[in-house]
Amino acid sequence: MDTEAQHLERDRSSGPGTGVEEGSRSTHVQGERAATMSWGRTIFLGMACTVALLLFSAFVLQPFLVPSGSMQPTLRIGDRVLVNKLAYRFGSEPARGDVVVFDGTGSFVQETGQEGNAVGELLRAAAASLGLAEPAGSDFVKRVVGVGGDRVVCCDDRRRLEVNGTPVTEKYVHPGDRPSDVAFDIVVPAGKLWVMGDHRSNSRDSRDHLGQPGGGMVPVEQVIGRVDWLGWPLGRIGSLEGTDAFTGIRPPDADHG
């Protein structure tokens, strides 16, 4: 009888203790699962936001880090501009005076066929598409000076650029710069653009590729988009100021098409 009583006492005393330990262990496991699920949701949301930003950048509005001073004073080194990729998607084409970002492969940069580290290039391209890194060496930002059919001449007797025989007063050109130190007289083929930087003495643009295949002309289909806004620095956020420099330019002569 005494032995049975001792067993009963042991059973009663061990029961509640075991329940507490199992309950504590169960709560700890549930907490770990909840934390894991929370981290999983956070990572998923972060990845989803990144993918959404990349898609928005790829098709609608792309941040672009200005890498050089070739567009001063309009754009400065380190500016983040917003490139409107829908500007020329619905029948519109680049116009004289537009500031555009374009892929210069085949016009400003010759294709080399060399390939680097695929993963590194992908990461760099993703960072560039979000304005976090400098763009690819084949991407440029310049101002459209001549469109298909235009005759662009530099310079008249007052050192002004002429488009289709009309002098252009370029107020956006960097103070102290002349319209061009290189004389030229070209006719822009259909579907091409003649582009120049605003800092004429510090810009490698269409003038530098006159003797190369393509003659410095940029195909319209290589245009990535139009620079419509400044997104950084904070003190300069806003729409990019337009120009009336090309107002009144005559249409290109039929024999120049």
Protein backbone atom coordinates (compact mmCIF):
# COMPACT_ATOMS: atom_id res chain seq x y z
CA MET A 1 0.00 0.00 0.00
CA ASP A 2 2.79 2.38 0.90
CA THR A 3 4.46 1.66 -2.44
CA GLU A 4 1.24 2.39 -4.36
CA ALA A 5 0.79 5.63 -2.48
CA GLN A 6 4.34 6.72 -3.32
CA HIS A 7 3.73 6.00 -7.00
CA LEU A 8 0.50 7.98 -6.94
CA GLU A 9 2.22 10.92 -5.27
CA ARG A 10 5.01 10.82 -7.85
CA ASP A 11 2.51 10.76 -10.71
CA ARG A 12 0.57 13.71 -9.30
CA SER A 13 3.69 15.80 -8.73
CA SER A 14 5.23 15.07 -12.15
CA GLY A 15 2.05 15.76 -14.18
CA PRO A 16 1.78 19.56 -13.85
CA GLY A 17 5.52 20.06 -14.24
CA THR A 18 5.63 18.20 -17.53
CA GLY A 19 2.73 20.25 -18.90
CA VAL A 20 4.49 23.53 -18.13
CA GLU A 21 7.68 22.39 -19.85
CA GLU A 22 5.80 21.20 -22.93
CA GLY A 23 3.79 24.42 -23.07
CA SER A 24 6.93 26.54 -22.79
CA ARG A 25 8.63 24.53 -25.53
CA SER A 26 5.59 24.84 -27.77
CA THR A 27 5.42 28.64 -27.26
CA HIS A 28 9.12 28.96 -28.10
CA VAL A 29 8.72 26.98 -31.31
CA GLN A 30 5.70 29.05 -32.33
CA GLY A 31 7.67 32.23 -31.68
CA GLU A 32 10.51 31.02 -33.89
CA ARG A 33 8.04 30.14 -36.65
CA ALA A 34 6.39 33.57 -36.39
CA ALA A 35 9.79 35.31 -36.57
CA THR A 36 10.78 33.23 -39.59
CA MET A 37 7.49 34.03 -41.33
CA SER A 38 7.95 37.73 -40.53
CA TRP A 39 11.43 37.75 -42.04
CA GLY A 40 10.13 35.83 -45.05
CA ARG A 41 7.37 38.38 -45.63
CA THR A 42 9.86 41.25 -45.27
CA ILE A 43 12.24 39.69 -47.80
CA PHE A 44 9.38 38.93 -50.20
CA LEU A 45 8.02 42.48 -49.97
CA GLY A 46 11.51 43.90 -50.50
CA MET A 47 12.03 41.76 -53.59
CA ALA A 48 8.58 42.61 -54.93
CA CYS A 49 9.21 46.35 -54.48
CA THR A 50 12.59 46.07 -56.20
CA VAL A 51 11.08 44.19 -59.15
CA ALA A 52 8.29 46.77 -59.41
CA LEU A 53 10.82 49.63 -59.41
CA LEU A 54 12.92 47.92 -62.08
CA LEU A 55 9.87 47.37 -64.28
CA PHE A 56 8.74 50.98 -63.79
CA SER A 57 12.26 52.13 -64.66
CA ALA A 58 12.44 49.86 -67.70
CA PHE A 59 9.18 51.01 -69.29
CA VAL A 60 8.03 54.34 -67.80
CA LEU A 61 10.45 56.58 -65.92
CA GLN A 62 14.13 55.86 -65.46
CA PRO A 63 16.48 57.68 -63.09
CA PHE A 64 19.76 58.56 -64.81
CA LEU A 65 22.95 59.65 -63.07
CA VAL A 66 24.70 62.39 -65.06
CA PRO A 67 28.33 61.22 -65.26
CA SER A 68 30.06 64.23 -66.83
CA GLY A 69 29.95 67.98 -67.28
CA SER A 70 29.17 67.89 -71.01
CA MET A 71 25.66 69.29 -70.43
CA GLN A 72 26.56 72.11 -68.04
CA PRO A 73 25.02 74.41 -67.03
CA THR A 74 21.73 72.62 -67.80
CA LEU A 75 22.85 69.42 -66.06
CA ARG A 76 25.68 69.04 -63.58
CA ILE A 77 27.90 66.12 -62.64
CA GLY A 78 26.06 63.92 -60.14
CA ASP A 79 22.57 65.17 -61.03
CA ARG A 80 19.86 62.54 -61.05
CA VAL A 81 17.45 63.20 -63.89
CA LEU A 82 14.23 61.39 -64.71
CA VAL A 83 14.03 60.06 -68.24
CA ASN A 84 10.53 59.86 -69.69
CA LYS A 85 10.46 56.60 -71.66
CA LEU A 86 6.92 57.19 -72.88
CA ALA A 87 7.76 60.50 -74.57
CA TYR A 88 8.38 58.91 -77.97
CA ARG A 89 6.33 55.70 -77.66
CA PHE A 90 3.08 56.84 -79.27
CA GLY A 91 4.09 58.34 -82.60
CA SER A 92 6.04 61.35 -81.30
CA GLU A 93 9.70 61.77 -82.22
CA PRO A 94 12.54 63.76 -80.69
CA ALA A 95 12.35 67.45 -81.50
CA ARG A 96 15.01 70.12 -81.76
CA GLY A 97 15.92 71.33 -78.31
CA ASP A 98 14.96 68.12 -76.50
CA VAL A 99 17.49 66.77 -74.01
CA VAL A 100 17.63 63.02 -74.58
CA VAL A 101 19.36 59.94 -73.23
CA PHE A 102 20.39 57.48 -75.92
CA ASP A 103 22.38 54.32 -76.49
CA GLY A 104 25.41 55.33 -78.54
CA THR A 105 26.35 51.80 -79.56
CA GLY A 106 27.17 51.86 -83.26
CA SER A 107 27.19 55.67 -83.46
CA PHE A 108 29.26 57.10 -80.59
CA VAL A 109 30.72 53.77 -79.41
CA GLN A 110 31.80 51.00 -81.72
CA GLU A 111 30.67 47.49 -80.85
CA THR A 112 33.55 45.40 -79.52
CA GLY A 113 31.87 42.05 -79.00
CA GLN A 114 33.66 41.65 -75.66
CA GLU A 115 31.65 40.37 -72.71
CA GLY A 116 32.47 40.91 -69.06
CA ASN A 117 31.24 39.18 -65.93
CA ALA A 118 27.56 38.49 -66.58
CA VAL A 119 26.46 38.73 -62.93
CA GLY A 120 28.50 41.88 -62.34
CA GLU A 121 27.08 43.51 -65.48
CA LEU A 122 23.54 42.59 -64.45
CA LEU A 123 23.98 44.10 -60.98
CA ARG A 124 25.60 47.23 -62.39
CA ALA A 125 22.80 47.64 -64.94
CA ALA A 126 20.16 47.23 -62.22
CA ALA A 127 21.87 49.85 -60.04
CA ALA A 128 22.20 52.22 -63.00
CA SER A 129 18.53 51.80 -63.89
CA LEU A 130 17.65 53.04 -60.40
CA GLY A 131 20.06 55.98 -60.62
CA LEU A 132 22.39 54.45 -58.01
CA ALA A 133 25.38 53.97 -60.31
CA GLU A 134 26.86 55.59 -63.39
CA PRO A 135 25.21 54.50 -66.65
CA ALA A 136 26.82 52.14 -69.10
CA GLY A 137 29.65 53.61 -71.13
CA SER A 138 27.43 53.47 -74.20
CA ASP A 139 24.68 55.68 -72.71
CA PHE A 140 24.84 59.44 -73.30
CA VAL A 141 22.80 62.55 -72.54
CA LYS A 142 22.84 65.35 -75.15
CA ARG A 143 20.61 67.98 -76.72
CA VAL A 144 18.95 67.42 -80.10
CA VAL A 145 20.07 70.13 -82.51
CA GLY A 146 19.05 68.63 -85.85
CA VAL A 147 16.39 66.11 -86.88
CA GLY A 148 15.91 64.16 -90.12
CA GLY A 149 16.21 66.41 -93.18
CA ASP A 150 17.74 69.38 -91.34
CA ARG A 151 20.82 71.14 -92.63
CA VAL A 152 22.97 72.16 -89.66
CA VAL A 153 25.83 74.58 -90.29
CA CYS A 154 28.45 76.10 -88.07
CA CYS A 155 28.89 78.88 -88.11
CA ASP A 156 27.61 82.11 -89.66
CA ASP A 157 29.56 85.37 -89.66
CA ARG A 158 28.30 86.10 -86.12
CA ARG A 159 29.47 82.69 -84.86
CA ARG A 160 25.95 81.33 -84.58
CA LEU A 161 24.70 77.87 -85.43
CA GLU A 162 22.30 77.71 -88.35
CA VAL A 163 19.53 75.20 -88.91
CA ASN A 164 17.92 75.26 -92.36
CA GLY A 165 19.40 78.70 -92.94
CA THR A 166 18.02 80.21 -89.73
CA PRO A 167 20.47 81.40 -87.03
CA VAL A 168 19.93 79.84 -83.60
CA THR A 169 20.48 81.81 -80.40
CA GLU A 170 21.54 79.13 -77.92
CA LYS A 171 21.11 80.63 -74.46
CA TYR A 172 21.64 77.22 -72.86
CA VAL A 173 25.27 76.98 -74.05
CA HIS A 174 27.87 77.13 -71.27
CA PRO A 175 28.99 80.74 -70.60
CA GLY A 176 32.20 81.49 -72.45
CA ASP A 177 31.74 78.67 -74.99
CA ARG A 178 31.27 79.26 -78.70
CA PRO A 179 28.62 77.25 -80.55
CA SER A 180 31.46 75.12 -81.92
CA ASP A 181 35.19 75.36 -82.52
CA VAL A 182 34.75 72.76 -85.25
CA ALA A 183 33.27 73.95 -88.54
CA PHE A 184 30.73 71.65 -90.15
CA ASP A 185 27.98 71.62 -92.73
CA ILE A 186 25.84 68.49 -92.58
CA VAL A 187 22.43 67.25 -93.60
CA VAL A 188 20.77 64.89 -91.11
CA PRO A 189 19.44 61.73 -92.79
CA ALA A 190 15.85 60.66 -92.17
CA GLY A 191 15.44 58.73 -88.93
CA LYS A 192 18.65 60.19 -87.45
CA LEU A 193 19.55 62.97 -85.01
CA TRP A 194 22.42 65.44 -84.71
CA VAL A 195 23.12 65.94 -81.00
CA MET A 196 25.45 68.25 -79.07
CA GLY A 197 26.30 68.94 -75.45
CA ASP A 198 25.56 72.33 -73.90
CA HIS A 199 29.16 72.63 -72.67
CA ARG A 200 30.51 72.70 -76.20
CA SER A 201 34.19 72.88 -75.25
CA ASN A 202 33.79 69.88 -72.91
CA SER A 203 31.49 67.63 -74.91
CA ARG A 204 32.26 64.70 -77.17
CA ASP A 205 29.18 64.67 -79.37
CA SER A 206 28.15 64.34 -83.01
CA ARG A 207 30.99 66.65 -84.08
CA ASP A 208 33.60 64.17 -82.83
CA HIS A 209 32.28 61.36 -85.02
CA LEU A 210 31.96 63.16 -88.34
CA GLY A 211 34.57 61.00 -90.04
CA GLN A 212 33.33 57.72 -88.63
CA PRO A 213 30.67 55.34 -89.96
CA GLY A 214 27.32 57.03 -89.41
CA GLY A 215 28.87 60.50 -89.38
CA GLY A 216 27.96 61.19 -85.77
CA MET A 217 24.25 60.71 -86.40
CA VAL A 218 22.20 58.93 -83.73
CA PRO A 219 19.37 56.65 -84.92
CA VAL A 220 16.02 57.67 -83.46
CA GLU A 221 15.38 54.09 -82.34
CA GLN A 222 18.46 54.29 -80.10
CA VAL A 223 16.89 57.06 -78.02
CA ILE A 224 16.01 55.76 -74.55
CA GLY A 225 13.84 58.72 -73.57
CA ARG A 226 13.56 62.44 -72.95
CA VAL A 227 14.88 64.16 -69.85
CA ASP A 228 11.84 65.89 -68.38
CA TRP A 229 12.65 66.32 -64.69
CA LEU A 230 15.48 66.82 -62.25
CA GLY A 231 15.17 64.45 -59.28
CA TRP A 232 18.32 65.36 -57.36
CA PRO A 233 19.77 67.39 -55.67
CA LEU A 234 16.88 68.59 -53.53
CA GLY A 235 17.46 72.26 -54.29
CA ARG A 236 17.02 71.70 -58.03
CA ILE A 237 14.09 69.26 -58.11
CA GLY A 238 11.56 70.16 -60.77
CA SER A 239 10.83 70.15 -64.48
CA LEU A 240 13.71 70.64 -66.86
CA GLU A 241 13.50 74.09 -68.37
CA GLY A 242 12.66 74.07 -72.06
CA THR A 243 14.09 76.29 -74.79
CA ASP A 244 12.62 78.47 -77.51
CA ALA A 245 15.92 78.55 -79.43
CA PHE A 246 14.48 76.57 -82.33
CA THR A 247 11.17 78.39 -82.62
CA GLY A 248 10.66 79.60 -86.16
CA ILE A 249 13.07 77.15 -87.80
CA ARG A 250 11.96 76.53 -91.34
CA PRO A 251 11.10 72.99 -92.45
CA PRO A 252 13.99 71.20 -94.18
CA ASP A 253 14.22 71.70 -97.93
CA ALA A 254 12.82 68.86 -99.99
CA ASP A 255 16.19 68.28 -101.68
CA HIS A 256 17.79 67.77 -98.26
CA GLY A 257 15.59 64.81 -97.31
